[in-house]
């Protein structure tokens, strides 16, 4: 079997505020392989967002080991981590995170600016990404000129333009109506069918249902993984 894209071993994370300590993750062990579409579910405060930040190299673990494509994250310096986030991991957030003064085309091209891709290639790749998500007619519009669903499609195009190994989506439908949510989740399914590995963070069972694999985090622990065929009773408690 191929090496997993993500391999977490006994991950712990504690946050301290003054004399108060909160242990957000308690010994998480998890593998995600290329081509998977995994939904990490859990109620507010369960630790799922902390887990997402560690998987995306946006935060550091306190204990345990994290291997990305077989490479130990602890061996990477800050520049290496920034390069990994830019070229290997695509992020889609609930709030879209588009720059309001830039067009959708310019927003999508932005990761390639940081990667020093030349202007001609940036433009052609950004246009292609917008075509994939159905936004070519709106590519010269700014974010305040399009709908929430279109903003999220642009955010997905931006996340995919560097052809990342992994796409992380954090509550990607949280600011969308039900129809736009369905359209966005169907787009994720299409991207997954084309080979993109996706980790979705959500507290909504109906959104998680679009994924092939469902995991549940409660009180910082992984209590359910659908690939292990455990009891479905636990799965429902995170919905």
Protein backbone atom coordinates (compact mmCIF):
# COMPACT_ATOMS: atom_id res chain seq x y z
CA UNK A 1 0.00 0.00 0.00
CA UNK A 2 1.16 3.55 -0.74
CA UNK A 3 2.31 5.78 2.09
CA UNK A 4 -0.47 7.95 3.48
CA UNK A 5 -0.57 11.63 2.56
CA UNK A 6 -1.27 12.39 6.24
CA UNK A 7 -0.01 10.24 9.09
CA UNK A 8 -0.66 11.41 12.65
CA UNK A 9 0.68 9.43 15.59
CA UNK A 10 -0.49 10.17 19.17
CA UNK A 11 -1.00 13.91 18.63
CA UNK A 12 -1.58 16.05 21.72
CA UNK A 13 -2.26 19.78 21.86
CA UNK A 14 -2.86 21.95 24.94
CA UNK A 15 -3.63 25.67 25.03
CA UNK A 16 -2.80 27.76 28.11
CA UNK A 17 -4.45 31.03 29.14
CA UNK A 18 -2.98 32.25 32.39
CA UNK A 19 -3.46 29.46 34.90
CA UNK A 20 -6.09 27.71 32.77
CA UNK A 21 -5.10 24.85 30.48
CA UNK A 22 -7.31 23.31 27.81
CA UNK A 23 -6.25 20.06 26.18
CA UNK A 24 -7.74 20.26 22.69
CA UNK A 25 -6.32 17.01 21.29
CA UNK A 26 -5.68 13.84 23.29
CA UNK A 27 -3.61 11.26 21.46
CA UNK A 28 -5.05 11.47 17.92
CA UNK A 29 -3.77 8.78 15.54
CA UNK A 30 -4.96 8.97 11.93
CA UNK A 31 -3.92 8.11 8.37
CA UNK A 32 -5.42 9.68 5.24
CA UNK A 33 -4.44 8.20 1.87
CA UNK A 34 -4.28 9.75 -1.58
CA UNK A 35 -7.71 10.04 -3.22
CA UNK A 36 -9.71 9.92 0.01
CA UNK A 37 -12.54 12.32 0.83
CA UNK A 38 -12.69 12.36 4.63
CA UNK A 39 -15.07 14.41 6.78
CA UNK A 40 -13.95 15.19 10.34
CA UNK A 41 -17.08 15.84 12.38
CA UNK A 42 -17.62 17.13 15.87
CA UNK A 43 -19.53 19.70 17.91
CA UNK A 44 -18.10 23.11 18.79
CA UNK A 45 -15.14 22.70 21.13
CA UNK A 46 -14.52 19.08 20.15
CA UNK A 47 -11.01 19.72 18.84
CA UNK A 48 -11.76 19.30 15.12
CA UNK A 49 -10.57 22.81 14.22
CA UNK A 50 -7.35 22.32 16.19
CA UNK A 51 -6.84 19.05 14.32
CA UNK A 52 -7.38 20.88 11.02
CA UNK A 53 -4.81 23.53 11.96
CA UNK A 54 -2.22 20.86 12.76
CA UNK A 55 -2.94 18.88 9.56
CA UNK A 56 -2.63 22.12 7.58
CA UNK A 57 0.64 23.07 9.35
CA UNK A 58 -1.00 26.24 10.65
CA UNK A 59 -0.27 25.24 14.25
CA UNK A 60 2.25 23.07 16.09
CA UNK A 61 1.49 19.92 18.03
CA UNK A 62 2.79 19.52 21.59
CA UNK A 63 3.42 15.77 21.44
CA UNK A 64 3.34 13.02 18.86
CA UNK A 65 4.53 12.72 15.26
CA UNK A 66 3.10 14.13 12.03
CA UNK A 67 4.27 12.83 8.68
CA UNK A 68 3.18 14.56 5.46
CA UNK A 69 3.86 12.42 2.38
CA UNK A 70 6.24 10.40 4.54
CA UNK A 71 8.24 13.42 5.72
CA UNK A 72 8.34 14.28 9.42
CA UNK A 73 6.99 17.80 9.92
CA UNK A 74 9.33 18.35 12.88
CA UNK A 75 12.27 18.39 10.43
CA UNK A 76 10.89 21.41 8.55
CA UNK A 77 11.79 25.03 9.36
CA UNK A 78 9.38 27.94 8.99
CA UNK A 79 10.34 28.57 5.37
CA UNK A 80 9.83 24.88 4.54
CA UNK A 81 6.41 24.96 6.22
CA UNK A 82 5.38 28.09 4.31
CA UNK A 83 6.43 26.42 1.04
CA UNK A 84 4.47 23.29 1.95
CA UNK A 85 1.33 25.34 2.70
CA UNK A 86 1.69 27.24 -0.57
CA UNK A 87 2.41 24.33 -2.90
CA UNK A 88 1.18 21.12 -1.27
CA UNK A 89 -1.94 22.10 0.71
CA UNK A 90 -4.97 24.06 -0.51
CA UNK A 91 -7.25 25.76 2.03
CA UNK A 92 -10.95 26.64 1.75
CA UNK A 93 -12.42 28.56 4.68
CA UNK A 94 -15.96 29.43 5.76
CA UNK A 95 -15.31 33.17 5.30
CA UNK A 96 -13.87 32.78 1.75
CA UNK A 97 -10.83 35.00 2.57
CA UNK A 98 -10.88 36.75 -0.81
CA UNK A 99 -9.18 40.13 -1.09
CA UNK A 100 -11.95 42.66 -1.80
CA UNK A 101 -9.92 44.97 -4.05
CA UNK A 102 -8.83 42.19 -6.39
CA UNK A 103 -10.88 40.54 -9.13
CA UNK A 104 -11.73 36.85 -8.82
CA UNK A 105 -9.02 36.16 -11.41
CA UNK A 106 -6.44 38.07 -9.40
CA UNK A 107 -7.51 36.35 -6.17
CA UNK A 108 -7.14 32.92 -7.74
CA UNK A 109 -3.72 33.84 -9.17
CA UNK A 110 -2.41 35.07 -5.81
CA UNK A 111 -0.80 31.81 -4.58
CA UNK A 112 1.22 31.72 -7.81
CA UNK A 113 2.52 35.24 -7.15
CA UNK A 114 4.02 33.97 -3.89
CA UNK A 115 5.43 30.96 -5.76
CA UNK A 116 7.08 33.28 -8.34
CA UNK A 117 5.17 31.84 -11.31
CA UNK A 118 5.46 34.16 -14.32
CA UNK A 119 2.51 36.40 -15.20
CA UNK A 120 1.50 34.57 -18.38
CA UNK A 121 1.36 31.19 -16.66
CA UNK A 122 -0.40 32.68 -13.64
CA UNK A 123 -3.16 34.05 -15.82
CA UNK A 124 -3.68 30.91 -17.90
CA UNK A 125 -3.72 28.64 -14.85
CA UNK A 126 -6.07 30.94 -12.95
CA UNK A 127 -8.46 31.11 -15.90
CA UNK A 128 -8.42 27.31 -16.17
CA UNK A 129 -9.16 26.96 -12.44
CA UNK A 130 -12.09 29.35 -12.75
CA UNK A 131 -13.38 27.41 -15.74
CA UNK A 132 -13.35 24.20 -13.67
CA UNK A 133 -15.54 25.79 -10.98
CA UNK A 134 -17.84 27.46 -13.53
CA UNK A 135 -16.78 31.06 -12.90
CA UNK A 136 -15.11 32.12 -16.15
CA UNK A 137 -17.89 34.65 -16.99
CA UNK A 138 -17.32 36.37 -13.62
CA UNK A 139 -13.52 36.29 -13.47
CA UNK A 140 -13.16 40.09 -13.86
CA UNK A 141 -15.70 40.77 -11.10
CA UNK A 142 -14.68 41.62 -7.55
CA UNK A 143 -15.91 39.60 -4.57
CA UNK A 144 -18.62 42.13 -3.61
CA UNK A 145 -20.12 41.75 -7.09
CA UNK A 146 -20.87 38.02 -6.85
CA UNK A 147 -22.93 35.73 -4.61
CA UNK A 148 -21.71 33.79 -1.58
CA UNK A 149 -21.71 30.56 -3.55
CA UNK A 150 -19.64 32.18 -6.28
CA UNK A 151 -17.20 33.53 -3.69
CA UNK A 152 -16.71 30.03 -2.34
CA UNK A 153 -16.20 28.65 -5.86
CA UNK A 154 -13.51 31.27 -6.37
CA UNK A 155 -11.93 30.26 -3.05
CA UNK A 156 -11.91 26.63 -4.20
CA UNK A 157 -10.32 27.64 -7.52
CA UNK A 158 -7.63 29.54 -5.59
CA UNK A 159 -7.03 26.51 -3.35
CA UNK A 160 -6.66 24.20 -6.37
CA UNK A 161 -4.59 26.43 -8.66
CA UNK A 162 -1.26 25.15 -7.29
CA UNK A 163 -2.46 21.55 -7.81
CA UNK A 164 -2.00 20.67 -4.13
CA UNK A 165 -1.62 17.17 -2.78
CA UNK A 166 -4.27 17.90 -0.15
CA UNK A 167 -7.34 20.16 -0.02
CA UNK A 168 -8.55 21.16 3.46
CA UNK A 169 -12.05 22.65 3.71
CA UNK A 170 -13.01 24.18 7.06
CA UNK A 171 -16.81 24.56 7.39
CA UNK A 172 -16.89 25.59 3.69
CA UNK A 173 -20.70 25.92 3.56
CA UNK A 174 -21.14 27.76 6.87
CA UNK A 175 -22.01 31.08 5.20
CA UNK A 176 -24.08 29.64 2.36
CA UNK A 177 -27.75 28.88 1.80
CA UNK A 178 -28.86 25.28 1.31
CA UNK A 179 -28.78 25.36 -2.50
CA UNK A 180 -25.32 26.92 -2.65
CA UNK A 181 -24.14 24.45 0.00
CA UNK A 182 -25.31 21.54 -2.12
CA UNK A 183 -23.61 22.96 -5.22
CA UNK A 184 -20.32 23.46 -3.36
CA UNK A 185 -20.35 19.95 -1.89
CA UNK A 186 -21.08 18.47 -5.32
CA UNK A 187 -18.09 20.42 -6.63
CA UNK A 188 -15.92 18.88 -3.91
CA UNK A 189 -17.16 15.45 -4.98
CA UNK A 190 -16.20 16.21 -8.59
CA UNK A 191 -12.73 17.34 -7.51
CA UNK A 192 -12.34 14.18 -5.44
CA UNK A 193 -13.39 11.99 -8.37
CA UNK A 194 -10.66 13.67 -10.43
CA UNK A 195 -8.10 12.57 -7.82
CA UNK A 196 -7.95 15.36 -5.23
CA UNK A 197 -7.51 14.25 -1.62
CA UNK A 198 -9.91 16.20 0.59
CA UNK A 199 -10.25 16.64 4.35
CA UNK A 200 -13.50 18.38 5.28
CA UNK A 201 -14.12 19.88 8.73
CA UNK A 202 -17.81 20.20 9.64
CA UNK A 203 -20.30 19.96 12.49
CA UNK A 204 -23.17 19.18 10.09
CA UNK A 205 -24.05 15.56 9.38
CA UNK A 206 -25.74 16.39 6.06
CA UNK A 207 -22.56 18.10 4.80
CA UNK A 208 -20.39 15.21 6.02
CA UNK A 209 -22.62 12.80 4.08
CA UNK A 210 -20.97 13.95 0.83
CA UNK A 211 -17.65 12.46 1.98
CA UNK A 212 -16.62 8.85 1.46
CA UNK A 213 -15.14 8.52 4.94
CA UNK A 214 -16.46 9.97 8.18
CA UNK A 215 -14.51 10.55 11.36
CA UNK A 216 -15.79 11.95 14.63
CA UNK A 217 -13.87 13.90 17.24
CA UNK A 218 -15.32 14.35 20.72
CA UNK A 219 -13.46 15.98 23.63
CA UNK A 220 -10.18 15.86 21.71
CA UNK A 221 -10.36 12.16 20.89
CA UNK A 222 -11.12 10.30 17.69
CA UNK A 223 -14.14 8.21 18.66
CA UNK A 224 -15.39 7.01 15.28
CA UNK A 225 -13.88 6.18 11.90
CA UNK A 226 -16.22 4.75 9.27
CA UNK A 227 -13.35 2.81 7.64
CA UNK A 228 -12.99 0.78 10.85
CA UNK A 229 -16.69 -0.28 10.79
CA UNK A 230 -17.37 0.73 14.38
CA UNK A 231 -20.83 1.17 15.80
CA UNK A 232 -22.85 3.87 14.06
CA UNK A 233 -24.24 5.08 17.39
CA UNK A 234 -21.23 7.30 17.99
CA UNK A 235 -21.34 8.80 14.51
CA UNK A 236 -24.74 10.35 15.10
CA UNK A 237 -23.68 12.13 18.29
CA UNK A 238 -21.54 14.64 16.32
CA UNK A 239 -24.24 15.65 13.86
